[in-house]
C-alpha cells in the first residue's frame, strides 16, 4: 500500500510540475522577446548618437580647418617682410 501511495504522490508531483512548466514557457518566450526589443532599442539609440556626433563634428572640423590654414604670404605681408 505504501508503494501505491508513493506512486500516486509522484504522479501528482509530475502533473504539478508539468502544469507549472507549460505556463512558464510562454512567459519565458515573452521575456526573451522583450529583452530583444530593449537591446534593439539601445542599439538604435547608439546609432542615432553616433550619427548625430558625425553630423555635428565633421562640418565643424571642416570650418575650423579652412579658417586655420597656415598661409606664409599673408604673415610675411603683415610683418613687412615683402
PDB file of N, CA and C in Angstrom:
ATOM      1  N   UNK A   1       0.803  -1.182   0.000  1.00  0.00           N
ATOM      2  CA  UNK A   1       0.000   0.000   0.000  1.00  0.00           C
ATOM      3  C   UNK A   1       0.860   1.266   0.000  1.00  0.00           C
ATOM      4  N   UNK A   2       2.012   1.207   0.655  1.00  0.00           N
ATOM      5  CA  UNK A   2       2.898   2.372   0.714  1.00  0.00           C
ATOM      6  C   UNK A   2       3.478   2.677  -0.661  1.00  0.00           C
ATOM      7  N   UNK A   3       3.712   1.638  -1.449  1.00  0.00           N
ATOM      8  CA  UNK A   3       4.251   1.847  -2.793  1.00  0.00           C
ATOM      9  C   UNK A   3       3.224   2.533  -3.685  1.00  0.00           C
ATOM     10  N   UNK A   4       1.968   2.198  -3.506  1.00  0.00           N
ATOM     11  CA  UNK A   4       0.898   2.816  -4.306  1.00  0.00           C
ATOM     12  C   UNK A   4       0.762   4.289  -3.937  1.00  0.00           C
ATOM     13  N   UNK A   5       0.845   4.583  -2.645  1.00  0.00           N
ATOM     14  CA  UNK A   5       0.791   5.976  -2.211  1.00  0.00           C
ATOM     15  C   UNK A   5       1.971   6.766  -2.768  1.00  0.00           C
ATOM     16  N   UNK A   6       3.130   6.141  -2.771  1.00  0.00           N
ATOM     17  CA  UNK A   6       4.322   6.791  -3.292  1.00  0.00           C
ATOM     18  C   UNK A   6       4.169   7.076  -4.791  1.00  0.00           C
ATOM     19  N   UNK A   7       3.641   6.130  -5.531  1.00  0.00           N
ATOM     20  CA  UNK A   7       3.442   6.306  -6.979  1.00  0.00           C
ATOM     21  C   UNK A   7       2.418   7.400  -7.251  1.00  0.00           C
ATOM     22  N   UNK A   8       1.327   7.428  -6.471  1.00  0.00           N
ATOM     23  CA  UNK A   8       0.315   8.470  -6.635  1.00  0.00           C
ATOM     24  C   UNK A   8       0.878   9.850  -6.315  1.00  0.00           C
ATOM     25  N   UNK A   9       1.696   9.938  -5.289  1.00  0.00           N
ATOM     26  CA  UNK A   9       2.326  11.205  -4.929  1.00  0.00           C
ATOM     27  C   UNK A   9       3.257  11.679  -6.044  1.00  0.00           C
ATOM     28  N   UNK A  10       4.025  10.767  -6.609  1.00  0.00           N
ATOM     29  CA  UNK A  10       4.917  11.124  -7.712  1.00  0.00           C
ATOM     30  C   UNK A  10       4.138  11.561  -8.945  1.00  0.00           C
ATOM     31  N   UNK A  11       3.015  10.912  -9.225  1.00  0.00           N
ATOM     32  CA  UNK A  11       2.192  11.309 -10.369  1.00  0.00           C
ATOM     33  C   UNK A  11       1.601  12.700 -10.159  1.00  0.00           C
ATOM     34  N   UNK A  12       1.165  12.982  -8.946  1.00  0.00           N
ATOM     35  CA  UNK A  12       0.629  14.312  -8.657  1.00  0.00           C
ATOM     36  C   UNK A  12       1.722  15.372  -8.770  1.00  0.00           C
ATOM     37  N   UNK A  13       2.910  15.061  -8.286  1.00  0.00           N
ATOM     38  CA  UNK A  13       4.032  16.000  -8.400  1.00  0.00           C
ATOM     39  C   UNK A  13       4.394  16.223  -9.859  1.00  0.00           C
ATOM     40  N   UNK A  14       4.416  15.163 -10.629  1.00  0.00           N
ATOM     41  CA  UNK A  14       4.723  15.275 -12.051  1.00  0.00           C
ATOM     42  C   UNK A  14       3.681  16.129 -12.764  1.00  0.00           C
ATOM     43  N   UNK A  15       2.399  15.915 -12.437  1.00  0.00           N
ATOM     44  CA  UNK A  15       1.339  16.714 -13.052  1.00  0.00           C
ATOM     45  C   UNK A  15       1.470  18.178 -12.659  1.00  0.00           C
ATOM     46  N   UNK A  16       1.823  18.432 -11.414  1.00  0.00           N
ATOM     47  CA  UNK A  16       2.004  19.809 -10.952  1.00  0.00           C
ATOM     48  C   UNK A  16       3.155  20.488 -11.702  1.00  0.00           C
ATOM     49  N   UNK A  17       4.305  19.830 -11.790  1.00  0.00           N
ATOM     50  CA  UNK A  17       5.455  20.423 -12.471  1.00  0.00           C
ATOM     51  C   UNK A  17       5.194  20.577 -13.976  1.00  0.00           C
ATOM     52  N   UNK A  18       4.476  19.648 -14.574  1.00  0.00           N
ATOM     53  CA  UNK A  18       4.141  19.766 -15.987  1.00  0.00           C
ATOM     54  C   UNK A  18       3.250  20.986 -16.227  1.00  0.00           C
ATOM     55  N   UNK A  19       2.268  21.192 -15.370  1.00  0.00           N
ATOM     56  CA  UNK A  19       1.379  22.345 -15.480  1.00  0.00           C
ATOM     57  C   UNK A  19       2.163  23.649 -15.257  1.00  0.00           C
ATOM     58  N   UNK A  20       3.060  23.646 -14.275  1.00  0.00           N
ATOM     59  CA  UNK A  20       3.847  24.837 -13.971  1.00  0.00           C
ATOM     60  C   UNK A  20       4.776  25.192 -15.137  1.00  0.00           C
ATOM     61  N   UNK A  21       5.425  24.196 -15.713  1.00  0.00           N
ATOM     62  CA  UNK A  21       6.327  24.452 -16.836  1.00  0.00           C
ATOM     63  C   UNK A  21       5.580  24.854 -18.095  1.00  0.00           C
ATOM     64  N   UNK A  22       4.402  24.301 -18.315  1.00  0.00           N
ATOM     65  CA  UNK A  22       3.642  24.671 -19.503  1.00  0.00           C
ATOM     66  C   UNK A  22       3.147  26.104 -19.411  1.00  0.00           C
ATOM     67  N   UNK A  23       2.924  26.613 -18.206  1.00  0.00           N
ATOM     68  CA  UNK A  23       2.518  28.005 -18.041  1.00  0.00           C
ATOM     69  C   UNK A  23       3.705  28.950 -18.089  1.00  0.00           C
ATOM     70  N   UNK A  24       4.867  28.506 -17.671  1.00  0.00           N
ATOM     71  CA  UNK A  24       6.016  29.405 -17.617  1.00  0.00           C
ATOM     72  C   UNK A  24       6.720  29.526 -18.965  1.00  0.00           C
ATOM     73  N   UNK A  25       6.561  28.571 -19.864  1.00  0.00           N
ATOM     74  CA  UNK A  25       7.246  28.633 -21.150  1.00  0.00           C
ATOM     75  C   UNK A  25       6.821  29.844 -21.982  1.00  0.00           C
ATOM     76  N   UNK A  26       5.533  30.150 -22.139  1.00  0.00           N
ATOM     77  CA  UNK A  26       5.161  31.359 -22.880  1.00  0.00           C
ATOM     78  C   UNK A  26       5.666  32.646 -22.218  1.00  0.00           C
ATOM     79  N   UNK A  27       5.676  32.661 -20.885  1.00  0.00           N
ATOM     80  CA  UNK A  27       6.195  33.848 -20.193  1.00  0.00           C
ATOM     81  C   UNK A  27       7.693  33.996 -20.453  1.00  0.00           C
ATOM     82  N   UNK A  28       8.406  32.887 -20.492  1.00  0.00           N
ATOM     83  CA  UNK A  28       9.837  32.930 -20.784  1.00  0.00           C
ATOM     84  C   UNK A  28      10.085  33.454 -22.196  1.00  0.00           C
ATOM     85  N   UNK A  29       9.299  32.978 -23.157  1.00  0.00           N
ATOM     86  CA  UNK A  29       9.450  33.466 -24.529  1.00  0.00           C
ATOM     87  C   UNK A  29       9.097  34.949 -24.633  1.00  0.00           C
ATOM     88  N   UNK A  30       8.086  35.376 -23.908  1.00  0.00           N
ATOM     89  CA  UNK A  30       7.717  36.789 -23.912  1.00  0.00           C
ATOM     90  C   UNK A  30       8.837  37.627 -23.291  1.00  0.00           C
ATOM     91  N   UNK A  31       9.450  37.120 -22.248  1.00  0.00           N
ATOM     92  CA  UNK A  31      10.560  37.831 -21.618  1.00  0.00           C
ATOM     93  C   UNK A  31      11.743  37.938 -22.572  1.00  0.00           C
ATOM     94  N   UNK A  32      12.039  36.867 -23.308  1.00  0.00           N
ATOM     95  CA  UNK A  32      13.115  36.922 -24.297  1.00  0.00           C
ATOM     96  C   UNK A  32      12.808  37.937 -25.389  1.00  0.00           C
ATOM     97  N   UNK A  33      11.562  37.980 -25.845  1.00  0.00           N
ATOM     98  CA  UNK A  33      11.160  38.934 -26.872  1.00  0.00           C
ATOM     99  C   UNK A  33      11.309  40.369 -26.364  1.00  0.00           C
ATOM    100  N   UNK A  34      10.911  40.609 -25.122  1.00  0.00           N
ATOM    101  CA  UNK A  34      11.038  41.939 -24.532  1.00  0.00           C
ATOM    102  C   UNK A  34      12.504  42.346 -24.417  1.00  0.00           C
ATOM    103  N   UNK A  35      13.364  41.417 -23.990  1.00  0.00           N
ATOM    104  CA  UNK A  35      14.792  41.710 -23.890  1.00  0.00           C
ATOM    105  C   UNK A  35      15.393  42.022 -25.262  1.00  0.00           C
ATOM    106  N   UNK A  36      14.953  41.296 -26.286  1.00  0.00           N
ATOM    107  CA  UNK A  36      15.431  41.563 -27.640  1.00  0.00           C
ATOM    108  C   UNK A  36      15.008  42.949 -28.099  1.00  0.00           C
ATOM    109  N   UNK A  37      13.768  43.324 -27.843  1.00  0.00           N
ATOM    110  CA  UNK A  37      13.302  44.657 -28.232  1.00  0.00           C
ATOM    111  C   UNK A  37      14.064  45.752 -27.490  1.00  0.00           C
ATOM    112  N   UNK A  38      14.339  45.525 -26.217  1.00  0.00           N
ATOM    113  CA  UNK A  38      15.084  46.516 -25.437  1.00  0.00           C
ATOM    114  C   UNK A  38      16.525  46.644 -25.947  1.00  0.00           C
ATOM    115  N   UNK A  39      17.152  45.540 -26.278  1.00  0.00           N
ATOM    116  CA  UNK A  39      18.516  45.591 -26.813  1.00  0.00           C
ATOM    117  C   UNK A  39      18.542  46.269 -28.174  1.00  0.00           C
ATOM    118  N   UNK A  40      17.535  45.997 -29.007  1.00  0.00           N
ATOM    119  CA  UNK A  40      17.450  46.638 -30.310  1.00  0.00           C
ATOM    120  C   UNK A  40      17.264  48.153 -30.156  1.00  0.00           C
ATOM    121  N   UNK A  41      16.467  48.572 -29.176  1.00  0.00           N
ATOM    122  CA  UNK A  41      16.243  49.995 -28.934  1.00  0.00           C
ATOM    123  C   UNK A  41      17.533  50.672 -28.479  1.00  0.00           C
ATOM    124  N   UNK A  42      18.310  50.000 -27.654  1.00  0.00           N
ATOM    125  CA  UNK A  42      19.592  50.569 -27.216  1.00  0.00           C
ATOM    126  C   UNK A  42      20.553  50.699 -28.391  1.00  0.00           C
ATOM    127  N   UNK A  43      20.545  49.711 -29.274  1.00  0.00           N
ATOM    128  CA  UNK A  43      21.400  49.787 -30.464  1.00  0.00           C
ATOM    129  C   UNK A  43      20.971  50.901 -31.393  1.00  0.00           C
ATOM    130  N   UNK A  44      19.661  51.083 -31.556  1.00  0.00           N
ATOM    131  CA  UNK A  44      19.162  52.175 -32.383  1.00  0.00           C
ATOM    132  C   UNK A  44      19.546  53.523 -31.795  1.00  0.00           C
ATOM    133  N   UNK A  45      19.456  53.654 -30.478  1.00  0.00           N
ATOM    134  CA  UNK A  45      19.835  54.910 -29.831  1.00  0.00           C
ATOM    135  C   UNK A  45      21.328  55.180 -29.994  1.00  0.00           C
ATOM    136  N   UNK A  46      22.147  54.151 -29.875  1.00  0.00           N
ATOM    137  CA  UNK A  46      23.596  54.329 -30.043  1.00  0.00           C
ATOM    138  C   UNK A  46      23.918  54.756 -31.474  1.00  0.00           C
ATOM    139  N   UNK A  47      23.237  54.167 -32.454  1.00  0.00           N
ATOM    140  CA  UNK A  47      23.460  54.580 -33.849  1.00  0.00           C
ATOM    141  C   UNK A  47      23.017  56.022 -34.067  1.00  0.00           C
ATOM    142  N   UNK A  48      21.914  56.442 -33.425  1.00  0.00           N
ATOM    143  CA  UNK A  48      21.439  57.811 -33.538  1.00  0.00           C
ATOM    144  C   UNK A  48      22.466  58.787 -32.964  1.00  0.00           C
ATOM    145  N   UNK A  49      23.007  58.474 -31.797  1.00  0.00           N
ATOM    146  CA  UNK A  49      24.001  59.349 -31.172  1.00  0.00           C
ATOM    147  C   UNK A  49      25.257  59.412 -32.031  1.00  0.00           C
ATOM    148  N   UNK A  50      25.695  58.290 -32.568  1.00  0.00           N
ATOM    149  CA  UNK A  50      26.875  58.265 -33.424  1.00  0.00           C
ATOM    150  C   UNK A  50      26.655  59.098 -34.685  1.00  0.00           C
ATOM    151  N   UNK A  51      25.490  58.976 -35.292  1.00  0.00           N
ATOM    152  CA  UNK A  51      25.186  59.767 -36.485  1.00  0.00           C
ATOM    153  C   UNK A  51      25.104  61.246 -36.148  1.00  0.00           C
ATOM    154  N   UNK A  52      24.527  61.583 -35.003  1.00  0.00           N
ATOM    155  CA  UNK A  52      24.429  62.977 -34.594  1.00  0.00           C
ATOM    156  C   UNK A  52      25.802  63.586 -34.356  1.00  0.00           C
ATOM    157  N   UNK A  53      26.669  62.866 -33.698  1.00  0.00           N
ATOM    158  CA  UNK A  53      28.031  63.358 -33.464  1.00  0.00           C
ATOM    159  C   UNK A  53      28.763  63.533 -34.791  1.00  0.00           C
ATOM    160  N   UNK A  54      28.604  62.590 -35.699  1.00  0.00           N
ATOM    161  CA  UNK A  54      29.258  62.686 -37.000  1.00  0.00           C
ATOM    162  C   UNK A  54      28.758  63.896 -37.777  1.00  0.00           C
ATOM    163  N   UNK A  55      27.460  64.110 -37.754  1.00  0.00           N
ATOM    164  CA  UNK A  55      26.885  65.240 -38.492  1.00  0.00           C
ATOM    165  C   UNK A  55      27.341  66.565 -37.903  1.00  0.00           C
ATOM    166  N   UNK A  56      27.588  66.614 -36.611  1.00  0.00           N
ATOM    167  CA  UNK A  56      27.996  67.871 -35.984  1.00  0.00           C
ATOM    168  C   UNK A  56      29.510  68.087 -36.030  1.00  0.00           C
ATOM    169  N   UNK A  57      30.299  67.042 -35.891  1.00  0.00           N
ATOM    170  CA  UNK A  57      31.751  67.204 -35.788  1.00  0.00           C
ATOM    171  C   UNK A  57      32.401  67.407 -37.150  1.00  0.00           C
ATOM    172  N   UNK A  58      31.975  66.695 -38.157  1.00  0.00           N
ATOM    173  CA  UNK A  58      32.628  66.788 -39.465  1.00  0.00           C
ATOM    174  C   UNK A  58      32.504  68.190 -40.050  1.00  0.00           C
ATOM    175  N   UNK A  59      31.330  68.821 -40.101  1.00  0.00           N
ATOM    176  CA  UNK A  59      31.286  70.197 -40.612  1.00  0.00           C
ATOM    177  C   UNK A  59      32.062  71.172 -39.743  1.00  0.00           C
ATOM    178  N   UNK A  60      32.042  70.969 -38.435  1.00  0.00           N
ATOM    179  CA  UNK A  60      32.800  71.856 -37.555  1.00  0.00           C
ATOM    180  C   UNK A  60      34.291  71.729 -37.821  1.00  0.00           C
ATOM    181  N   UNK A  61      34.781  70.527 -38.038  1.00  0.00           N
ATOM    182  CA  UNK A  61      36.210  70.362 -38.310  1.00  0.00           C
ATOM    183  C   UNK A  61      36.584  70.943 -39.673  1.00  0.00           C
ATOM    184  N   UNK A  62      35.673  70.886 -40.640  1.00  0.00           N
ATOM    185  CA  UNK A  62      35.942  71.491 -41.947  1.00  0.00           C
ATOM    186  C   UNK A  62      36.040  73.003 -41.810  1.00  0.00           C
ATOM    187  N   UNK A  63      35.125  73.607 -41.052  1.00  0.00           N
ATOM    188  CA  UNK A  63      35.157  75.064 -40.849  1.00  0.00           C
ATOM    189  C   UNK A  63      36.416  75.472 -40.103  1.00  0.00           C
ATOM    190  N   UNK A  64      36.758  74.770 -39.069  1.00  0.00           N
ATOM    191  CA  UNK A  64      37.961  75.092 -38.300  1.00  0.00           C
ATOM    192  C   UNK A  64      39.200  74.882 -39.166  1.00  0.00           C
ATOM    193  N   UNK A  65      39.204  73.824 -39.963  1.00  0.00           N
ATOM    194  CA  UNK A  65      40.361  73.558 -40.817  1.00  0.00           C
ATOM    195  C   UNK A  65      40.555  74.609 -41.889  1.00  0.00           C
ATOM    196  N   UNK A  66      39.486  75.108 -42.476  1.00  0.00           N
ATOM    197  CA  UNK A  66      39.629  76.130 -43.522  1.00  0.00           C
ATOM    198  C   UNK A  66      39.970  77.486 -42.938  1.00  0.00           C
ATOM    199  N   UNK A  67      39.589  77.757 -41.725  1.00  0.00           N
ATOM    200  CA  UNK A  67      39.885  79.049 -41.114  1.00  0.00           C
ATOM    201  C   UNK A  67      41.268  79.093 -40.494  1.00  0.00           C
ATOM    202  N   UNK A  68      41.934  77.976 -40.337  1.00  0.00           N
ATOM    203  CA  UNK A  68      43.242  77.965 -39.677  1.00  0.00           C
ATOM    204  C   UNK A  68      44.346  77.495 -40.616  1.00  0.00           C
ATOM    205  N   UNK A  69      44.154  77.683 -41.901  1.00  0.00           N
ATOM    206  CA  UNK A  69      45.201  77.297 -42.843  1.00  0.00           C
ATOM    207  C   UNK A  69      46.375  78.256 -42.695  1.00  0.00           C
ATOM    208  N   UNK A  70      47.550  77.685 -42.580  1.00  0.00           N
ATOM    209  CA  UNK A  70      48.747  78.479 -42.399  1.00  0.00           C
ATOM    210  C   UNK A  70      49.179  79.013 -43.766  1.00  0.00           C
ATOM    211  N   UNK A  71      49.125  80.323 -43.899  1.00  0.00           N
ATOM    212  CA  UNK A  71      49.453  80.957 -45.174  1.00  0.00           C
ATOM    213  C   UNK A  71      50.674  81.851 -44.959  1.00  0.00           C
ATOM    214  N   UNK A  72      51.802  81.453 -45.520  1.00  0.00           N
ATOM    215  CA  UNK A  72      53.058  82.167 -45.295  1.00  0.00           C
ATOM    216  C   UNK A  72      53.052  83.561 -45.915  1.00  0.00           C
ATOM    217  N   UNK A  73      52.451  83.732 -47.047  1.00  0.00           N
ATOM    218  CA  UNK A  73      52.497  85.030 -47.709  1.00  0.00           C
ATOM    219  C   UNK A  73      51.740  86.091 -46.925  1.00  0.00           C
ATOM    220  N   UNK A  74      50.602  85.751 -46.322  1.00  0.00           N
ATOM    221  CA  UNK A  74      49.858  86.759 -45.572  1.00  0.00           C
ATOM    222  C   UNK A  74      50.599  87.130 -44.296  1.00  0.00           C
ATOM    223  N   UNK A  75      51.276  86.187 -43.665  1.00  0.00           N
ATOM    224  CA  UNK A  75      52.042  86.500 -42.456  1.00  0.00           C
ATOM    225  C   UNK A  75      53.247  87.357 -42.814  1.00  0.00           C
ATOM    226  N   UNK A  76      53.868  87.091 -43.932  1.00  0.00           N
ATOM    227  CA  UNK A  76      55.015  87.885 -44.352  1.00  0.00           C
ATOM    228  C   UNK A  76      54.586  89.318 -44.659  1.00  0.00           C
ATOM    229  N   UNK A  77      53.421  89.494 -45.236  1.00  0.00           N
ATOM    230  CA  UNK A  77      52.936  90.822 -45.541  1.00  0.00           C
ATOM    231  C   UNK A  77      52.633  91.595 -44.265  1.00  0.00           C
ATOM    232  N   UNK A  78      52.106  90.938 -43.268  1.00  0.00           N
ATOM    233  CA  UNK A  78      51.784  91.605 -42.000  1.00  0.00           C
ATOM    234  C   UNK A  78      53.059  92.042 -41.318  1.00  0.00           C
ATOM    235  N   UNK A  79      54.066  91.257 -41.373  1.00  0.00           N
ATOM    236  CA  UNK A  79      55.320  91.587 -40.702  1.00  0.00           C
ATOM    237  C   UNK A  79      56.178  92.532 -41.535  1.00  0.00           C
ATOM    238  N   UNK A  80      55.794  92.843 -42.750  1.00  0.00           N
ATOM    239  CA  UNK A  80      56.537  93.766 -43.601  1.00  0.00           C
ATOM    240  C   UNK A  80      57.765  93.153 -44.218  1.00  0.00           C
ATOM    241  N   UNK A  81      57.802  91.879 -44.412  1.00  0.00           N
ATOM    242  CA  UNK A  81      58.970  91.233 -44.968  1.00  0.00           C
ATOM    243  C   UNK A  81      58.982  91.265 -46.496  1.00  0.00           C
ATOM    244  N   UNK A  82      57.871  91.526 -47.130  1.00  0.00           N
ATOM    245  CA  UNK A  82      57.845  91.533 -48.598  1.00  0.00           C
ATOM    246  C   UNK A  82      58.055  92.891 -49.161  1.00  0.00           C
TER     247      UNK A  82
END
